[in-house]
PDB file of N, CA and C in Angstrom:
ATOM      1  N   MET A   1      -5.186 -10.114  -5.427  1.00  0.00           N
ATOM      2  CA  MET A   1      -4.000  -9.315  -5.658  1.00  0.00           C
ATOM      3  C   MET A   1      -3.705  -8.489  -4.411  1.00  0.00           C
ATOM      4  N   GLU A   2      -2.432  -8.405  -4.082  1.00  0.00           N
ATOM      5  CA  GLU A   2      -1.983  -7.524  -3.006  1.00  0.00           C
ATOM      6  C   GLU A   2      -1.082  -6.458  -3.602  1.00  0.00           C
ATOM      7  N   VAL A   3      -1.286  -5.225  -3.176  1.00  0.00           N
ATOM      8  CA  VAL A   3      -0.519  -4.092  -3.697  1.00  0.00           C
ATOM      9  C   VAL A   3       0.264  -3.446  -2.560  1.00  0.00           C
ATOM     10  N   LYS A   4       1.516  -3.114  -2.850  1.00  0.00           N
ATOM     11  CA  LYS A   4       2.375  -2.431  -1.876  1.00  0.00           C
ATOM     12  C   LYS A   4       3.101  -1.300  -2.574  1.00  0.00           C
ATOM     13  N   ILE A   5       3.441  -0.267  -1.798  1.00  0.00           N
ATOM     14  CA  ILE A   5       4.244   0.844  -2.318  1.00  0.00           C
ATOM     15  C   ILE A   5       5.490   0.975  -1.455  1.00  0.00           C
ATOM     16  N   ASP A   6       6.636   1.077  -2.113  1.00  0.00           N
ATOM     17  CA  ASP A   6       7.881   1.398  -1.416  1.00  0.00           C
ATOM     18  C   ASP A   6       7.889   2.917  -1.272  1.00  0.00           C
ATOM     19  N   ARG A   7       7.341   3.397  -0.175  1.00  0.00           N
ATOM     20  CA  ARG A   7       7.129   4.830   0.006  1.00  0.00           C
ATOM     21  C   ARG A   7       8.435   5.615   0.072  1.00  0.00           C
ATOM     22  N   ASP A   8       9.536   4.954   0.419  1.00  0.00           N
ATOM     23  CA  ASP A   8      10.827   5.654   0.471  1.00  0.00           C
ATOM     24  C   ASP A   8      11.240   6.173  -0.904  1.00  0.00           C
ATOM     25  N   GLY A   9      10.796   5.501  -1.954  1.00  0.00           N
ATOM     26  CA  GLY A   9      11.151   5.915  -3.301  1.00  0.00           C
ATOM     27  C   GLY A   9      10.084   6.732  -4.006  1.00  0.00           C
ATOM     28  N   CYS A  10       8.944   6.925  -3.359  1.00  0.00           N
ATOM     29  CA  CYS A  10       7.818   7.648  -3.964  1.00  0.00           C
ATOM     30  C   CYS A  10       8.188   9.111  -4.209  1.00  0.00           C
ATOM     31  N   ILE A  11       7.833   9.618  -5.397  1.00  0.00           N
ATOM     32  CA  ILE A  11       8.073  11.033  -5.712  1.00  0.00           C
ATOM     33  C   ILE A  11       6.780  11.839  -5.700  1.00  0.00           C
ATOM     34  N   ALA A  12       5.687  11.222  -5.259  1.00  0.00           N
ATOM     35  CA  ALA A  12       4.397  11.897  -5.098  1.00  0.00           C
ATOM     36  C   ALA A  12       3.902  12.565  -6.375  1.00  0.00           C
ATOM     37  N   CYS A  13       4.056  11.870  -7.495  1.00  0.00           N
ATOM     38  CA  CYS A  13       3.603  12.442  -8.764  1.00  0.00           C
ATOM     39  C   CYS A  13       2.082  12.379  -8.908  1.00  0.00           C
ATOM     40  N   GLY A  14       1.434  11.452  -8.169  1.00  0.00           N
ATOM     41  CA  GLY A  14      -0.019  11.353  -8.206  1.00  0.00           C
ATOM     42  C   GLY A  14      -0.575  10.479  -9.311  1.00  0.00           C
ATOM     43  N   LEU A  15       0.285   9.868 -10.127  1.00  0.00           N
ATOM     44  CA  LEU A  15      -0.191   9.033 -11.221  1.00  0.00           C
ATOM     45  C   LEU A  15      -1.017   7.863 -10.710  1.00  0.00           C
ATOM     46  N   CYS A  16      -0.585   7.225  -9.641  1.00  0.00           N
ATOM     47  CA  CYS A  16      -1.327   6.071  -9.130  1.00  0.00           C
ATOM     48  C   CYS A  16      -2.720   6.483  -8.667  1.00  0.00           C
ATOM     49  N   GLU A  17      -2.799   7.583  -7.967  1.00  0.00           N
ATOM     50  CA  GLU A  17      -4.094   8.062  -7.478  1.00  0.00           C
ATOM     51  C   GLU A  17      -5.019   8.423  -8.641  1.00  0.00           C
ATOM     52  N   SER A  18      -4.484   9.049  -9.662  1.00  0.00           N
ATOM     53  CA  SER A  18      -5.329   9.419 -10.797  1.00  0.00           C
ATOM     54  C   SER A  18      -5.718   8.204 -11.634  1.00  0.00           C
ATOM     55  N   THR A  19      -4.883   7.174 -11.648  1.00  0.00           N
ATOM     56  CA  THR A  19      -5.178   5.958 -12.408  1.00  0.00           C
ATOM     57  C   THR A  19      -6.167   5.058 -11.694  1.00  0.00           C
ATOM     58  N   CYS A  20      -6.021   4.924 -10.385  1.00  0.00           N
ATOM     59  CA  CYS A  20      -6.878   4.008  -9.623  1.00  0.00           C
ATOM     60  C   CYS A  20      -7.162   4.586  -8.234  1.00  0.00           C
ATOM     61  N   PRO A  21      -8.026   5.596  -8.163  1.00  0.00           N
ATOM     62  CA  PRO A  21      -8.297   6.259  -6.878  1.00  0.00           C
ATOM     63  C   PRO A  21      -9.010   5.372  -5.851  1.00  0.00           C
ATOM     64  N   GLU A  22      -9.540   4.237  -6.287  1.00  0.00           N
ATOM     65  CA  GLU A  22     -10.182   3.315  -5.352  1.00  0.00           C
ATOM     66  C   GLU A  22      -9.151   2.588  -4.480  1.00  0.00           C
ATOM     67  N   VAL A  23      -7.897   2.584  -4.923  1.00  0.00           N
ATOM     68  CA  VAL A  23      -6.843   1.844  -4.230  1.00  0.00           C
ATOM     69  C   VAL A  23      -5.776   2.778  -3.648  1.00  0.00           C
ATOM     70  N   PHE A  24      -5.430   3.825  -4.396  1.00  0.00           N
ATOM     71  CA  PHE A  24      -4.329   4.714  -4.011  1.00  0.00           C
ATOM     72  C   PHE A  24      -4.829   6.105  -3.640  1.00  0.00           C
ATOM     73  N   ARG A  25      -4.092   6.747  -2.763  1.00  0.00           N
ATOM     74  CA  ARG A  25      -4.339   8.145  -2.443  1.00  0.00           C
ATOM     75  C   ARG A  25      -3.025   8.764  -1.990  1.00  0.00           C
ATOM     76  N   ILE A  26      -3.008  10.089  -1.973  1.00  0.00           N
ATOM     77  CA  ILE A  26      -1.864  10.807  -1.432  1.00  0.00           C
ATOM     78  C   ILE A  26      -2.147  11.024   0.048  1.00  0.00           C
ATOM     79  N   ALA A  27      -1.249  10.526   0.884  1.00  0.00           N
ATOM     80  CA  ALA A  27      -1.414  10.603   2.335  1.00  0.00           C
ATOM     81  C   ALA A  27      -1.086  12.007   2.839  1.00  0.00           C
ATOM     82  N   GLU A  28      -1.325  12.214   4.111  1.00  0.00           N
ATOM     83  CA  GLU A  28      -1.072  13.523   4.725  1.00  0.00           C
ATOM     84  C   GLU A  28       0.391  13.942   4.635  1.00  0.00           C
ATOM     85  N   ASP A  29       1.304  12.971   4.554  1.00  0.00           N
ATOM     86  CA  ASP A  29       2.729  13.310   4.444  1.00  0.00           C
ATOM     87  C   ASP A  29       3.141  13.636   3.016  1.00  0.00           C
ATOM     88  N   GLY A  30       2.181  13.594   2.083  1.00  0.00           N
ATOM     89  CA  GLY A  30       2.441  13.967   0.699  1.00  0.00           C
ATOM     90  C   GLY A  30       2.866  12.822  -0.201  1.00  0.00           C
ATOM     91  N   LEU A  31       3.021  11.632   0.349  1.00  0.00           N
ATOM     92  CA  LEU A  31       3.423  10.472  -0.444  1.00  0.00           C
ATOM     93  C   LEU A  31       2.220   9.574  -0.714  1.00  0.00           C
ATOM     94  N   ALA A  32       2.319   8.803  -1.781  1.00  0.00           N
ATOM     95  CA  ALA A  32       1.240   7.886  -2.133  1.00  0.00           C
ATOM     96  C   ALA A  32       1.163   6.748  -1.133  1.00  0.00           C
ATOM     97  N   GLU A  33      -0.054   6.239  -0.954  1.00  0.00           N
ATOM     98  CA  GLU A  33      -0.249   5.073  -0.104  1.00  0.00           C
ATOM     99  C   GLU A  33      -1.361   4.212  -0.673  1.00  0.00           C
ATOM    100  N   VAL A  34      -1.300   2.931  -0.345  1.00  0.00           N
ATOM    101  CA  VAL A  34      -2.392   2.011  -0.640  1.00  0.00           C
ATOM    102  C   VAL A  34      -3.328   2.093   0.556  1.00  0.00           C
ATOM    103  N   TYR A  35      -4.532   2.587   0.335  1.00  0.00           N
ATOM    104  CA  TYR A  35      -5.463   2.683   1.453  1.00  0.00           C
ATOM    105  C   TYR A  35      -6.554   1.626   1.377  1.00  0.00           C
ATOM    106  N   HIS A  36      -6.600   0.895   0.272  1.00  0.00           N
ATOM    107  CA  HIS A  36      -7.591  -0.168   0.114  1.00  0.00           C
ATOM    108  C   HIS A  36      -7.016  -1.182  -0.868  1.00  0.00           C
ATOM    109  N   GLN A  37      -6.922  -2.430  -0.469  1.00  0.00           N
ATOM    110  CA  GLN A  37      -6.478  -3.470  -1.390  1.00  0.00           C
ATOM    111  C   GLN A  37      -7.554  -3.665  -2.462  1.00  0.00           C
ATOM    112  N   PRO A  38      -7.137  -3.856  -3.704  1.00  0.00           N
ATOM    113  CA  PRO A  38      -8.119  -3.935  -4.792  1.00  0.00           C
ATOM    114  C   PRO A  38      -8.966  -5.201  -4.739  1.00  0.00           C
ATOM    115  N   ASP A  39     -10.248  -5.018  -5.069  1.00  0.00           N
ATOM    116  CA  ASP A  39     -11.081  -6.188  -5.287  1.00  0.00           C
ATOM    117  C   ASP A  39     -10.918  -6.570  -6.759  1.00  0.00           C
ATOM    118  N   ALA A  40     -11.578  -7.600  -7.181  1.00  0.00           N
ATOM    119  CA  ALA A  40     -11.399  -8.117  -8.538  1.00  0.00           C
ATOM    120  C   ALA A  40     -11.648  -7.056  -9.612  1.00  0.00           C
ATOM    121  N   SER A  41     -12.605  -6.188  -9.390  1.00  0.00           N
ATOM    122  CA  SER A  41     -12.937  -5.172 -10.392  1.00  0.00           C
ATOM    123  C   SER A  41     -11.908  -4.047 -10.452  1.00  0.00           C
ATOM    124  N   GLN A  42     -11.032  -3.950  -9.472  1.00  0.00           N
ATOM    125  CA  GLN A  42     -10.044  -2.871  -9.413  1.00  0.00           C
ATOM    126  C   GLN A  42      -8.626  -3.340  -9.749  1.00  0.00           C
ATOM    127  N   GLU A  43      -8.446  -4.630  -9.961  1.00  0.00           N
ATOM    128  CA  GLU A  43      -7.110  -5.165 -10.187  1.00  0.00           C
ATOM    129  C   GLU A  43      -6.456  -4.611 -11.451  1.00  0.00           C
ATOM    130  N   THR A  44      -7.223  -4.437 -12.515  1.00  0.00           N
ATOM    131  CA  THR A  44      -6.659  -3.908 -13.754  1.00  0.00           C
ATOM    132  C   THR A  44      -6.138  -2.492 -13.534  1.00  0.00           C
ATOM    133  N   GLY A  45      -6.918  -1.655 -12.868  1.00  0.00           N
ATOM    134  CA  GLY A  45      -6.484  -0.289 -12.589  1.00  0.00           C
ATOM    135  C   GLY A  45      -5.260  -0.242 -11.695  1.00  0.00           C
ATOM    136  N   ALA A  46      -5.221  -1.111 -10.684  1.00  0.00           N
ATOM    137  CA  ALA A  46      -4.063  -1.156  -9.793  1.00  0.00           C
ATOM    138  C   ALA A  46      -2.818  -1.595 -10.549  1.00  0.00           C
ATOM    139  N   GLN A  47      -2.967  -2.562 -11.441  1.00  0.00           N
ATOM    140  CA  GLN A  47      -1.822  -3.018 -12.237  1.00  0.00           C
ATOM    141  C   GLN A  47      -1.370  -1.935 -13.211  1.00  0.00           C
ATOM    142  N   GLU A  48      -2.299  -1.203 -13.799  1.00  0.00           N
ATOM    143  CA  GLU A  48      -1.939  -0.091 -14.688  1.00  0.00           C
ATOM    144  C   GLU A  48      -1.163   0.976 -13.929  1.00  0.00           C
ATOM    145  N   ALA A  49      -1.574   1.252 -12.693  1.00  0.00           N
ATOM    146  CA  ALA A  49      -0.852   2.223 -11.874  1.00  0.00           C
ATOM    147  C   ALA A  49       0.557   1.733 -11.582  1.00  0.00           C
ATOM    148  N   ALA A  50       0.697   0.454 -11.262  1.00  0.00           N
ATOM    149  CA  ALA A  50       2.023  -0.109 -10.996  1.00  0.00           C
ATOM    150  C   ALA A  50       2.902  -0.043 -12.240  1.00  0.00           C
ATOM    151  N   ASN A  51       2.341  -0.396 -13.383  1.00  0.00           N
ATOM    152  CA  ASN A  51       3.111  -0.368 -14.637  1.00  0.00           C
ATOM    153  C   ASN A  51       3.506   1.047 -15.028  1.00  0.00           C
ATOM    154  N   GLY A  52       2.657   2.022 -14.703  1.00  0.00           N
ATOM    155  CA  GLY A  52       2.915   3.402 -15.102  1.00  0.00           C
ATOM    156  C   GLY A  52       3.746   4.210 -14.131  1.00  0.00           C
ATOM    157  N   CYS A  53       3.991   3.673 -12.941  1.00  0.00           N
ATOM    158  CA  CYS A  53       4.738   4.423 -11.922  1.00  0.00           C
ATOM    159  C   CYS A  53       6.113   4.793 -12.462  1.00  0.00           C
ATOM    160  N   PRO A  54       6.455   6.093 -12.510  1.00  0.00           N
ATOM    161  CA  PRO A  54       7.717   6.500 -13.115  1.00  0.00           C
ATOM    162  C   PRO A  54       8.948   6.090 -12.315  1.00  0.00           C
ATOM    163  N   VAL A  55       8.778   5.734 -11.053  1.00  0.00           N
ATOM    164  CA  VAL A  55       9.924   5.305 -10.247  1.00  0.00           C
ATOM    165  C   VAL A  55       9.800   3.841  -9.812  1.00  0.00           C
ATOM    166  N   SER A  56       8.808   3.129 -10.358  1.00  0.00           N
ATOM    167  CA  SER A  56       8.631   1.676 -10.150  1.00  0.00           C
ATOM    168  C   SER A  56       8.621   1.270  -8.679  1.00  0.00           C
ATOM    169  N   VAL A  57       7.854   2.000  -7.860  1.00  0.00           N
ATOM    170  CA  VAL A  57       7.784   1.669  -6.442  1.00  0.00           C
ATOM    171  C   VAL A  57       6.489   0.974  -6.039  1.00  0.00           C
ATOM    172  N   ILE A  58       5.603   0.720  -7.015  1.00  0.00           N
ATOM    173  CA  ILE A  58       4.357   0.000  -6.736  1.00  0.00           C
ATOM    174  C   ILE A  58       4.565  -1.444  -7.154  1.00  0.00           C
ATOM    175  N   HIS A  59       4.280  -2.346  -6.221  1.00  0.00           N
ATOM    176  CA  HIS A  59       4.488  -3.764  -6.466  1.00  0.00           C
ATOM    177  C   HIS A  59       3.184  -4.512  -6.250  1.00  0.00           C
ATOM    178  N   THR A  60       2.903  -5.454  -7.152  1.00  0.00           N
ATOM    179  CA  THR A  60       1.686  -6.250  -7.051  1.00  0.00           C
ATOM    180  C   THR A  60       2.064  -7.718  -6.946  1.00  0.00           C
ATOM    181  N   GLU A  61       1.265  -8.449  -6.186  1.00  0.00           N
ATOM    182  CA  GLU A  61       1.437  -9.889  -6.053  1.00  0.00           C
ATOM    183  C   GLU A  61       0.084 -10.551  -6.252  1.00  0.00           C
ATOM    184  N   ALA A  62       0.079 -11.620  -6.993  1.00  0.00           N
ATOM    185  CA  ALA A  62      -1.173 -12.342  -7.264  1.00  0.00           C
ATOM    186  C   ALA A  62      -1.693 -13.031  -6.037  1.00  0.00           C
TER     187      ALA A  62
END
C-alpha cells in the first residue's frame, strides 16, 4: 500500500496521527505528513485514517 496526503487541503486536525502514528505525523509546518509508508501490519490503521479524514485528503493505493 502507498499512502499520500494532499497537504494543500489538510486542516491539521491530527486524526491521522492519532489513528496511525506509525505512518502519520504533524510536520513542523503544522500539517500532517506521511513520514513512513505502512508495512503490512500498519495498512489497516492507515486505511482507517484515510477513511476518517474529515477533509478526505489522505489517499491510499494498493
